[in-house]
Amino acid sequence: MQETRQFTLDPGQLTVTASVQTDPGCVRDSNEDSGRHVNPYDLETLASRGRLTIVCDGMGGHASGEVASQIAVEAINELYYSNRDLDPQAALRWAIEQANCEIYETSLTDESYAGMGTTLVAMVILGDKAFSAHVGDSRLYRMRGQKLELLTMDHSQVMEMVQQGIITMEQARNHDDKNVILRAVGTNPEVEVDVSAMFAIEPGDTFLLCSDGLNDMLEDAEIEAILASESDEYLACQQLIEAAKQSGGHDNVTVGVVNVSAKIAAPPQQARITREVEAL
């Protein structure tokens, strides 16, 4: 497993630290999840496009889910940062739509890729604001003031039932159809992407992006307790994954933890640390 920790110290900006980690879990032989945190070295790109974090949960037989999630991460990273004609929110939507086309077209080239696709959740931090995009049931949470809040709404059958008042969130956790999703990247020629409005971020905020291998295994209260007790993003990722595995680890699990801290007055510095670590 490759885990990337990145931090940027820019005068006049909030300090952002991030870690993304993935693990196959306790049951599955392969890992169809993918994730990445991207922090541009170029200050102009950082100012205009910001920092991008992505988590994808691939689906499909014969390891095709792994192919789909990897295509999504690579394509969105490249396309989002290369498009300077659109505003950031439109550029991310376009990048996801293009990744959808690439996955769908790839699925037509090989029988073993038929029907492959991936969920996706992404967040961009741009100065003191952020926005998100998602397709499927991978989630974005925000931890603020020791309280965990879900910022995305799953594109799933049970979440629609929750919104209609048919079942509660607690009932949705144990529903027979909890894994039936209504949207995915790459399963159809076109995809509908939910892109949020810009929202303010504050020092002390922690953001969690995760595949359902985390929130299917852990209650929100358990996730909240781990994030409240561990301020280091790398260790928080490790603890979340380990807790999911201790609860059964029935699926691949990918988590991205992004911490926001106060502005600094130091000269511009940047650092990137990439390390190979054993699967947890």
C-alpha atoms as a PDB file:
ATOM      1  CA  MET A   1       0.000   0.000   0.000  1.00  0.00           C
ATOM      2  CA  GLN A   2       1.266   3.482  -0.783  1.00  0.00           C
ATOM      3  CA  GLU A   3       0.423   6.228   1.654  1.00  0.00           C
ATOM      4  CA  THR A   4       1.104   9.870   0.885  1.00  0.00           C
ATOM      5  CA  ARG A   5       1.376  12.613   3.476  1.00  0.00           C
ATOM      6  CA  GLN A   6       1.568  16.163   2.245  1.00  0.00           C
ATOM      7  CA  PHE A   7       1.629  19.558   3.855  1.00  0.00           C
ATOM      8  CA  THR A   8       1.858  23.099   2.630  1.00  0.00           C
ATOM      9  CA  LEU A   9       2.890  26.153   4.594  1.00  0.00           C
ATOM     10  CA  ASP A  10       1.917  29.277   2.684  1.00  0.00           C
ATOM     11  CA  PRO A  11       1.842  32.719   4.305  1.00  0.00           C
ATOM     12  CA  GLY A  12      -1.699  34.058   4.420  1.00  0.00           C
ATOM     13  CA  GLN A  13      -3.224  30.644   3.861  1.00  0.00           C
ATOM     14  CA  LEU A  14      -4.513  27.932   6.124  1.00  0.00           C
ATOM     15  CA  THR A  15      -2.153  25.037   6.713  1.00  0.00           C
ATOM     16  CA  VAL A  16      -3.439  21.760   5.297  1.00  0.00           C
ATOM     17  CA  THR A  17      -2.089  18.310   6.130  1.00  0.00           C
ATOM     18  CA  ALA A  18      -3.458  15.108   4.631  1.00  0.00           C
ATOM     19  CA  SER A  19      -3.056  11.357   4.537  1.00  0.00           C
ATOM     20  CA  VAL A  20      -4.803   8.813   2.308  1.00  0.00           C
ATOM     21  CA  GLN A  21      -4.573   5.106   3.067  1.00  0.00           C
ATOM     22  CA  THR A  22      -6.243   2.008   1.640  1.00  0.00           C
ATOM     23  CA  ASP A  23      -6.485  -1.612   2.766  1.00  0.00           C
ATOM     24  CA  PRO A  24      -8.108  -4.735   1.251  1.00  0.00           C
ATOM     25  CA  GLY A  25      -9.816  -5.575   4.541  1.00  0.00           C
ATOM     26  CA  CYS A  26     -10.189  -9.004   6.126  1.00  0.00           C
ATOM     27  CA  VAL A  27     -12.266 -10.865   3.532  1.00  0.00           C
ATOM     28  CA  ARG A  28     -11.349  -9.827   0.001  1.00  0.00           C
ATOM     29  CA  ASP A  29      -8.163 -10.920  -1.744  1.00  0.00           C
ATOM     30  CA  SER A  30      -7.893  -7.851  -3.969  1.00  0.00           C
ATOM     31  CA  ASN A  31      -8.297  -4.144  -3.334  1.00  0.00           C
ATOM     32  CA  GLU A  32     -10.569  -2.341  -5.801  1.00  0.00           C
ATOM     33  CA  ASP A  33     -10.387   0.998  -3.975  1.00  0.00           C
ATOM     34  CA  SER A  34      -8.098   3.860  -4.951  1.00  0.00           C
ATOM     35  CA  GLY A  35      -7.328   7.218  -3.392  1.00  0.00           C
ATOM     36  CA  ARG A  36      -4.995  10.191  -3.617  1.00  0.00           C
ATOM     37  CA  HIS A  37      -4.241  13.592  -2.146  1.00  0.00           C
ATOM     38  CA  VAL A  38      -2.749  16.078  -4.604  1.00  0.00           C
ATOM     39  CA  ASN A  39      -0.926  19.182  -3.443  1.00  0.00           C
ATOM     40  CA  PRO A  40       0.518  21.192  -6.357  1.00  0.00           C
ATOM     41  CA  TYR A  41       4.109  22.331  -5.966  1.00  0.00           C
ATOM     42  CA  ASP A  42       3.450  25.264  -8.291  1.00  0.00           C
ATOM     43  CA  LEU A  43       2.066  28.120  -6.176  1.00  0.00           C
ATOM     44  CA  GLU A  44       0.110  29.537  -9.114  1.00  0.00           C
ATOM     45  CA  THR A  45      -1.666  26.202  -9.602  1.00  0.00           C
ATOM     46  CA  LEU A  46      -2.192  25.903  -5.859  1.00  0.00           C
ATOM     47  CA  ALA A  47      -3.822  29.338  -5.806  1.00  0.00           C
ATOM     48  CA  SER A  48      -6.078  28.739  -8.820  1.00  0.00           C
ATOM     49  CA  ARG A  49      -6.934  25.039  -8.429  1.00  0.00           C
ATOM     50  CA  GLY A  50      -6.128  24.182  -4.811  1.00  0.00           C
ATOM     51  CA  ARG A  51      -5.544  20.810  -3.173  1.00  0.00           C
ATOM     52  CA  LEU A  52      -7.502  17.795  -4.401  1.00  0.00           C
ATOM     53  CA  THR A  53      -8.356  14.665  -2.404  1.00  0.00           C
ATOM     54  CA  ILE A  54     -10.086  11.697  -4.085  1.00  0.00           C
ATOM     55  CA  VAL A  55     -11.420   8.355  -2.848  1.00  0.00           C
ATOM     56  CA  CYS A  56     -12.882   5.784  -5.262  1.00  0.00           C
ATOM     57  CA  ASP A  57     -14.517   2.403  -4.614  1.00  0.00           C
ATOM     58  CA  GLY A  58     -14.370   0.255  -7.744  1.00  0.00           C
ATOM     59  CA  MET A  59     -16.886  -2.398  -8.705  1.00  0.00           C
ATOM     60  CA  GLY A  60     -16.940  -5.249 -11.199  1.00  0.00           C
ATOM     61  CA  GLY A  61     -15.633  -8.790 -11.474  1.00  0.00           C
ATOM     62  CA  HIS A  62     -12.165 -10.075 -12.403  1.00  0.00           C
ATOM     63  CA  ALA A  63     -10.401  -7.087 -10.771  1.00  0.00           C
ATOM     64  CA  SER A  64     -12.108  -4.698 -13.194  1.00  0.00           C
ATOM     65  CA  GLY A  65     -13.209  -2.566 -10.262  1.00  0.00           C
ATOM     66  CA  GLU A  66      -9.562  -1.891  -9.508  1.00  0.00           C
ATOM     67  CA  VAL A  67      -9.058  -0.798 -13.117  1.00  0.00           C
ATOM     68  CA  ALA A  68     -12.055   1.541 -12.943  1.00  0.00           C
ATOM     69  CA  SER A  69     -11.030   3.214  -9.690  1.00  0.00           C
ATOM     70  CA  GLN A  70      -7.444   3.688 -10.861  1.00  0.00           C
ATOM     71  CA  ILE A  71      -8.571   5.206 -14.163  1.00  0.00           C
ATOM     72  CA  ALA A  72     -10.822   7.596 -12.256  1.00  0.00           C
ATOM     73  CA  VAL A  73      -8.100   8.797  -9.888  1.00  0.00           C
ATOM     74  CA  GLU A  74      -5.498   9.236 -12.632  1.00  0.00           C
ATOM     75  CA  ALA A  75      -7.836  10.898 -15.143  1.00  0.00           C
ATOM     76  CA  ILE A  76      -9.458  13.297 -12.693  1.00  0.00           C
ATOM     77  CA  ASN A  77      -6.111  14.377 -11.277  1.00  0.00           C
ATOM     78  CA  GLU A  78      -4.693  15.091 -14.728  1.00  0.00           C
ATOM     79  CA  LEU A  79      -7.797  16.675 -16.252  1.00  0.00           C
ATOM     80  CA  TYR A  80      -8.789  18.849 -13.304  1.00  0.00           C
ATOM     81  CA  TYR A  81      -5.411  20.539 -13.117  1.00  0.00           C
ATOM     82  CA  SER A  82      -4.925  20.832 -16.880  1.00  0.00           C
ATOM     83  CA  ASN A  83      -8.209  22.641 -17.574  1.00  0.00           C
ATOM     84  CA  ARG A  84      -7.695  26.370 -17.039  1.00  0.00           C
ATOM     85  CA  ASP A  85     -10.728  27.502 -19.061  1.00  0.00           C
ATOM     86  CA  LEU A  86     -13.387  26.547 -16.499  1.00  0.00           C
ATOM     87  CA  ASP A  87     -13.856  27.648 -12.904  1.00  0.00           C
ATOM     88  CA  PRO A  88     -12.739  25.036 -10.332  1.00  0.00           C
ATOM     89  CA  GLN A  89     -16.187  23.536  -9.694  1.00  0.00           C
ATOM     90  CA  ALA A  90     -16.974  23.248 -13.398  1.00  0.00           C
ATOM     91  CA  ALA A  91     -13.485  21.864 -14.065  1.00  0.00           C
ATOM     92  CA  LEU A  92     -13.920  19.098 -11.488  1.00  0.00           C
ATOM     93  CA  ARG A  93     -17.339  18.178 -12.864  1.00  0.00           C
ATOM     94  CA  TRP A  94     -15.889  18.060 -16.389  1.00  0.00           C
ATOM     95  CA  ALA A  95     -12.927  15.952 -15.243  1.00  0.00           C
ATOM     96  CA  ILE A  96     -15.261  13.411 -13.635  1.00  0.00           C
ATOM     97  CA  GLU A  97     -17.428  13.307 -16.754  1.00  0.00           C
ATOM     98  CA  GLN A  98     -14.358  12.676 -18.897  1.00  0.00           C
ATOM     99  CA  ALA A  99     -13.181   9.942 -16.523  1.00  0.00           C
ATOM    100  CA  ASN A 100     -16.634   8.400 -16.843  1.00  0.00           C
ATOM    101  CA  CYS A 101     -16.262   8.282 -20.629  1.00  0.00           C
ATOM    102  CA  GLU A 102     -12.797   6.739 -20.377  1.00  0.00           C
ATOM    103  CA  ILE A 103     -13.943   4.001 -17.994  1.00  0.00           C
ATOM    104  CA  TYR A 104     -17.055   3.259 -20.041  1.00  0.00           C
ATOM    105  CA  GLU A 105     -15.112   3.079 -23.308  1.00  0.00           C
ATOM    106  CA  THR A 106     -12.479   0.854 -21.683  1.00  0.00           C
ATOM    107  CA  SER A 107     -15.233  -1.470 -20.459  1.00  0.00           C
ATOM    108  CA  LEU A 108     -16.233  -2.085 -24.089  1.00  0.00           C
ATOM    109  CA  THR A 109     -12.750  -3.255 -25.098  1.00  0.00           C
ATOM    110  CA  ASP A 110     -12.571  -6.420 -22.991  1.00  0.00           C
ATOM    111  CA  GLU A 111     -15.238  -8.841 -21.784  1.00  0.00           C
ATOM    112  CA  SER A 112     -13.663  -8.983 -18.347  1.00  0.00           C
ATOM    113  CA  TYR A 113     -14.215  -5.223 -17.992  1.00  0.00           C
ATOM    114  CA  ALA A 114     -17.933  -5.338 -18.839  1.00  0.00           C
ATOM    115  CA  GLY A 115     -20.011  -3.335 -16.378  1.00  0.00           C
ATOM    116  CA  MET A 116     -17.072  -2.005 -14.400  1.00  0.00           C
ATOM    117  CA  GLY A 117     -17.399   1.290 -12.611  1.00  0.00           C
ATOM    118  CA  THR A 118     -16.534   3.148  -9.446  1.00  0.00           C
ATOM    119  CA  THR A 119     -18.008   5.400  -6.819  1.00  0.00           C
ATOM    120  CA  LEU A 120     -16.202   8.658  -6.187  1.00  0.00           C
ATOM    121  CA  VAL A 121     -15.919  11.377  -3.605  1.00  0.00           C
ATOM    122  CA  ALA A 122     -13.581  14.326  -4.079  1.00  0.00           C
ATOM    123  CA  MET A 123     -12.862  17.511  -2.200  1.00  0.00           C
ATOM    124  CA  VAL A 124     -10.930  20.598  -3.264  1.00  0.00           C
ATOM    125  CA  ILE A 125      -9.537  23.059  -0.721  1.00  0.00           C
ATOM    126  CA  LEU A 126      -8.997  26.451  -2.325  1.00  0.00           C
ATOM    127  CA  GLY A 127      -7.645  29.094   0.036  1.00  0.00           C
ATOM    128  CA  ASP A 128     -10.078  29.344   2.946  1.00  0.00           C
ATOM    129  CA  LYS A 129     -12.921  27.653   1.072  1.00  0.00           C
ATOM    130  CA  ALA A 130     -13.667  24.174  -0.224  1.00  0.00           C
ATOM    131  CA  PHE A 131     -16.136  22.253  -2.359  1.00  0.00           C
ATOM    132  CA  SER A 132     -16.899  18.608  -3.006  1.00  0.00           C
ATOM    133  CA  ALA A 133     -18.116  16.311  -5.759  1.00  0.00           C
ATOM    134  CA  HIS A 134     -19.453  12.796  -5.465  1.00  0.00           C
ATOM    135  CA  VAL A 135     -21.074   9.931  -7.332  1.00  0.00           C
ATOM    136  CA  GLY A 136     -22.360   6.843  -5.526  1.00  0.00           C
ATOM    137  CA  ASP A 137     -21.997   6.069  -1.829  1.00  0.00           C
ATOM    138  CA  SER A 138     -18.453   7.114  -0.956  1.00  0.00           C
ATOM    139  CA  ARG A 139     -18.716   9.858   1.640  1.00  0.00           C
ATOM    140  CA  LEU A 140     -17.337  13.173   2.848  1.00  0.00           C
ATOM    141  CA  TYR A 141     -17.577  14.035   6.541  1.00  0.00           C
ATOM    142  CA  ARG A 142     -16.513  17.151   8.424  1.00  0.00           C
ATOM    143  CA  MET A 143     -15.377  17.130  12.041  1.00  0.00           C
ATOM    144  CA  ARG A 144     -15.827  20.562  13.612  1.00  0.00           C
ATOM    145  CA  GLY A 145     -15.917  21.299  17.322  1.00  0.00           C
ATOM    146  CA  GLN A 146     -15.775  17.594  18.197  1.00  0.00           C
ATOM    147  CA  LYS A 147     -18.938  16.964  16.169  1.00  0.00           C
ATOM    148  CA  LEU A 148     -19.018  14.797  13.025  1.00  0.00           C
ATOM    149  CA  GLU A 149     -21.284  15.870  10.156  1.00  0.00           C
ATOM    150  CA  LEU A 150     -22.022  14.051   6.895  1.00  0.00           C
ATOM    151  CA  LEU A 151     -21.638  16.527   4.015  1.00  0.00           C
ATOM    152  CA  THR A 152     -22.662  14.252   1.122  1.00  0.00           C
ATOM    153  CA  MET A 153     -25.822  12.271   0.484  1.00  0.00           C
ATOM    154  CA  ASP A 154     -25.326   8.731  -0.829  1.00  0.00           C
ATOM    155  CA  HIS A 155     -26.726   7.993  -4.271  1.00  0.00           C
ATOM    156  CA  SER A 156     -28.261   4.771  -3.020  1.00  0.00           C
ATOM    157  CA  GLN A 157     -31.630   3.110  -2.792  1.00  0.00           C
ATOM    158  CA  VAL A 158     -31.738   3.182   0.995  1.00  0.00           C
ATOM    159  CA  MET A 159     -30.734   6.861   1.192  1.00  0.00           C
ATOM    160  CA  GLU A 160     -33.631   7.743  -1.092  1.00  0.00           C
ATOM    161  CA  MET A 161     -35.887   5.852   1.309  1.00  0.00           C
ATOM    162  CA  VAL A 162     -34.411   7.849   4.200  1.00  0.00           C
ATOM    163  CA  GLN A 163     -35.038  11.131   2.375  1.00  0.00           C
ATOM    164  CA  GLN A 164     -38.632  10.073   1.710  1.00  0.00           C
ATOM    165  CA  GLY A 165     -39.141   9.281   5.393  1.00  0.00           C
ATOM    166  CA  ILE A 166     -39.745   5.581   4.739  1.00  0.00           C
ATOM    167  CA  ILE A 167     -36.858   4.391   6.928  1.00  0.00           C
ATOM    168  CA  THR A 168     -34.427   5.956   9.392  1.00  0.00           C
ATOM    169  CA  MET A 169     -30.661   6.240   8.990  1.00  0.00           C
ATOM    170  CA  GLU A 170     -30.267   3.488  11.586  1.00  0.00           C
ATOM    171  CA  GLN A 171     -32.610   1.208   9.635  1.00  0.00           C
ATOM    172  CA  ALA A 172     -30.698   2.012   6.446  1.00  0.00           C
ATOM    173  CA  ARG A 173     -27.482   0.672   7.991  1.00  0.00           C
ATOM    174  CA  ASN A 174     -28.967  -2.815   8.264  1.00  0.00           C
ATOM    175  CA  HIS A 175     -31.265  -2.801   5.227  1.00  0.00           C
ATOM    176  CA  ASP A 176     -30.969  -5.655   2.711  1.00  0.00           C
ATOM    177  CA  ASP A 177     -30.489  -3.133  -0.119  1.00  0.00           C
ATOM    178  CA  LYS A 178     -27.927  -0.920   1.624  1.00  0.00           C
ATOM    179  CA  ASN A 179     -25.302  -1.623  -1.043  1.00  0.00           C
ATOM    180  CA  VAL A 180     -27.557  -0.884  -4.031  1.00  0.00           C
ATOM    181  CA  ILE A 181     -26.253   2.352  -5.541  1.00  0.00           C
ATOM    182  CA  LEU A 182     -28.105   4.453  -8.096  1.00  0.00           C
ATOM    183  CA  ARG A 183     -25.121   6.168  -9.724  1.00  0.00           C
ATOM    184  CA  ALA A 184     -21.553   5.187 -10.543  1.00  0.00           C
ATOM    185  CA  VAL A 185     -18.720   6.506 -12.672  1.00  0.00           C
ATOM    186  CA  GLY A 186     -18.182   4.477 -15.842  1.00  0.00           C
ATOM    187  CA  THR A 187     -21.187   2.167 -15.905  1.00  0.00           C
ATOM    188  CA  ASN A 188     -23.061   4.297 -18.454  1.00  0.00           C
ATOM    189  CA  PRO A 189     -22.040   6.654 -21.278  1.00  0.00           C
ATOM    190  CA  GLU A 190     -23.019   9.666 -19.147  1.00  0.00           C
ATOM    191  CA  VAL A 191     -22.921  10.345 -15.425  1.00  0.00           C
ATOM    192  CA  GLU A 192     -24.694  12.808 -13.145  1.00  0.00           C
ATOM    193  CA  VAL A 193     -22.237  14.401 -10.717  1.00  0.00           C
ATOM    194  CA  ASP A 194     -23.250  16.245  -7.552  1.00  0.00           C
ATOM    195  CA  VAL A 195     -20.941  19.237  -7.048  1.00  0.00           C
ATOM    196  CA  SER A 196     -21.436  21.270  -3.891  1.00  0.00           C
ATOM    197  CA  ALA A 197     -21.407  25.010  -3.475  1.00  0.00           C
ATOM    198  CA  MET A 198     -18.265  26.560  -2.008  1.00  0.00           C
ATOM    199  CA  PHE A 199     -18.202  26.413   1.787  1.00  0.00           C
ATOM    200  CA  ALA A 200     -15.912  28.060   4.328  1.00  0.00           C
ATOM    201  CA  ILE A 201     -13.276  26.052   6.150  1.00  0.00           C
ATOM    202  CA  GLU A 202     -11.900  26.922   9.572  1.00  0.00           C
ATOM    203  CA  PRO A 203      -8.790  26.158  11.613  1.00  0.00           C
ATOM    204  CA  GLY A 204      -9.485  22.957  13.507  1.00  0.00           C
ATOM    205  CA  ASP A 205     -11.637  21.408  10.787  1.00  0.00           C
ATOM    206  CA  THR A 206     -10.955  17.786   9.905  1.00  0.00           C
ATOM    207  CA  PHE A 207     -12.381  16.264   6.737  1.00  0.00           C
ATOM    208  CA  LEU A 208     -12.818  12.541   6.172  1.00  0.00           C
ATOM    209  CA  LEU A 209     -13.313  10.996   2.735  1.00  0.00           C
ATOM    210  CA  CYS A 210     -14.080   7.277   2.795  1.00  0.00           C
ATOM    211  CA  SER A 211     -15.341   4.289   0.868  1.00  0.00           C
ATOM    212  CA  ASP A 212     -18.279   2.376   2.333  1.00  0.00           C
ATOM    213  CA  GLY A 213     -15.845  -0.188   3.703  1.00  0.00           C
ATOM    214  CA  LEU A 214     -15.432   2.259   6.597  1.00  0.00           C
ATOM    215  CA  ASN A 215     -18.938   3.515   7.333  1.00  0.00           C
ATOM    216  CA  ASP A 216     -20.533   0.095   6.779  1.00  0.00           C
ATOM    217  CA  MET A 217     -18.314  -1.283   9.548  1.00  0.00           C
ATOM    218  CA  LEU A 218     -18.348   1.665  11.958  1.00  0.00           C
ATOM    219  CA  GLU A 219     -21.135   3.805  13.373  1.00  0.00           C
ATOM    220  CA  ASP A 220     -20.707   7.542  12.901  1.00  0.00           C
ATOM    221  CA  ALA A 221     -20.207   7.833  16.672  1.00  0.00           C
ATOM    222  CA  GLU A 222     -17.235   5.455  16.474  1.00  0.00           C
ATOM    223  CA  ILE A 223     -15.708   7.438  13.611  1.00  0.00           C
ATOM    224  CA  GLU A 224     -16.270  10.652  15.561  1.00  0.00           C
ATOM    225  CA  ALA A 225     -14.544   9.238  18.649  1.00  0.00           C
ATOM    226  CA  ILE A 226     -11.441   8.224  16.684  1.00  0.00           C
ATOM    227  CA  LEU A 227     -11.129  11.587  14.942  1.00  0.00           C
ATOM    228  CA  ALA A 228     -11.682  13.400  18.252  1.00  0.00           C
ATOM    229  CA  SER A 229      -8.939  11.440  19.994  1.00  0.00           C
ATOM    230  CA  GLU A 230      -6.278  11.460  17.236  1.00  0.00           C
ATOM    231  CA  SER A 231      -5.143  14.759  15.735  1.00  0.00           C
ATOM    232  CA  ASP A 232      -2.451  13.278  13.471  1.00  0.00           C
ATOM    233  CA  GLU A 233      -3.978  12.493  10.072  1.00  0.00           C
ATOM    234  CA  TYR A 234      -1.671   9.549   9.377  1.00  0.00           C
ATOM    235  CA  LEU A 235      -2.431   7.855  12.687  1.00  0.00           C
ATOM    236  CA  ALA A 236      -6.140   8.681  12.365  1.00  0.00           C
ATOM    237  CA  CYS A 237      -6.244   6.855   9.018  1.00  0.00           C
ATOM    238  CA  GLN A 238      -4.509   3.860  10.545  1.00  0.00           C
ATOM    239  CA  GLN A 239      -6.872   3.754  13.504  1.00  0.00           C
ATOM    240  CA  LEU A 240      -9.991   4.069  11.343  1.00  0.00           C
ATOM    241  CA  ILE A 241      -8.867   1.231   9.075  1.00  0.00           C
ATOM    242  CA  GLU A 242      -7.912  -0.968  12.017  1.00  0.00           C
ATOM    243  CA  ALA A 243     -11.287  -0.319  13.685  1.00  0.00           C
ATOM    244  CA  ALA A 244     -13.113  -1.255  10.465  1.00  0.00           C
ATOM    245  CA  LYS A 245     -11.121  -4.483  10.276  1.00  0.00           C
ATOM    246  CA  GLN A 246     -11.771  -5.259  13.934  1.00  0.00           C
ATOM    247  CA  SER A 247     -15.486  -4.879  13.174  1.00  0.00           C
ATOM    248  CA  GLY A 248     -15.280  -7.459  10.387  1.00  0.00           C
ATOM    249  CA  GLY A 249     -13.470  -5.764   7.522  1.00  0.00           C
ATOM    250  CA  HIS A 250     -15.927  -7.235   5.027  1.00  0.00           C
ATOM    251  CA  ASP A 251     -14.913  -4.846   2.249  1.00  0.00           C
ATOM    252  CA  ASN A 252     -11.928  -2.876   1.024  1.00  0.00           C
ATOM    253  CA  VAL A 253     -11.550   0.298   3.052  1.00  0.00           C
ATOM    254  CA  THR A 254     -10.032   3.604   1.967  1.00  0.00           C
ATOM    255  CA  VAL A 255      -9.849   6.726   4.091  1.00  0.00           C
ATOM    256  CA  GLY A 256      -8.497  10.200   3.505  1.00  0.00           C
ATOM    257  CA  VAL A 257      -8.086  12.515   6.485  1.00  0.00           C
ATOM    258  CA  VAL A 258      -7.452  16.207   5.807  1.00  0.00           C
ATOM    259  CA  ASN A 259      -6.616  18.515   8.713  1.00  0.00           C
ATOM    260  CA  VAL A 260      -6.874  22.300   8.566  1.00  0.00           C
ATOM    261  CA  SER A 261      -4.916  24.474  10.982  1.00  0.00           C
ATOM    262  CA  ALA A 262      -4.283  28.178  11.467  1.00  0.00           C
ATOM    263  CA  LYS A 263      -2.523  30.514   9.077  1.00  0.00           C
ATOM    264  CA  ILE A 264       1.189  31.035   9.546  1.00  0.00           C
ATOM    265  CA  ALA A 265       3.558  33.897   8.902  1.00  0.00           C
ATOM    266  CA  ALA A 266       6.587  31.822   7.920  1.00  0.00           C
ATOM    267  CA  PRO A 267       8.180  32.036   4.447  1.00  0.00           C
ATOM    268  CA  PRO A 268       6.680  29.731   1.813  1.00  0.00           C
ATOM    269  CA  GLN A 269       7.701  26.135   2.302  1.00  0.00           C
ATOM    270  CA  GLN A 270       6.395  22.962   0.800  1.00  0.00           C
ATOM    271  CA  ALA A 271       7.035  19.332   1.506  1.00  0.00           C
ATOM    272  CA  ARG A 272       5.847  15.987   0.280  1.00  0.00           C
ATOM    273  CA  ILE A 273       6.588  12.687   1.939  1.00  0.00           C
ATOM    274  CA  THR A 274       5.689   9.455   0.171  1.00  0.00           C
ATOM    275  CA  ARG A 275       6.329   6.204   1.932  1.00  0.00           C
ATOM    276  CA  GLU A 276       5.638   2.560   1.257  1.00  0.00           C
ATOM    277  CA  VAL A 277       3.868   0.955   4.187  1.00  0.00           C
ATOM    278  CA  GLU A 278       2.611  -2.549   4.734  1.00  0.00           C
ATOM    279  CA  ALA A 279      -1.112  -3.184   4.482  1.00  0.00           C
ATOM    280  CA  LEU A 280      -2.681  -2.744   7.867  1.00  0.00           C
END
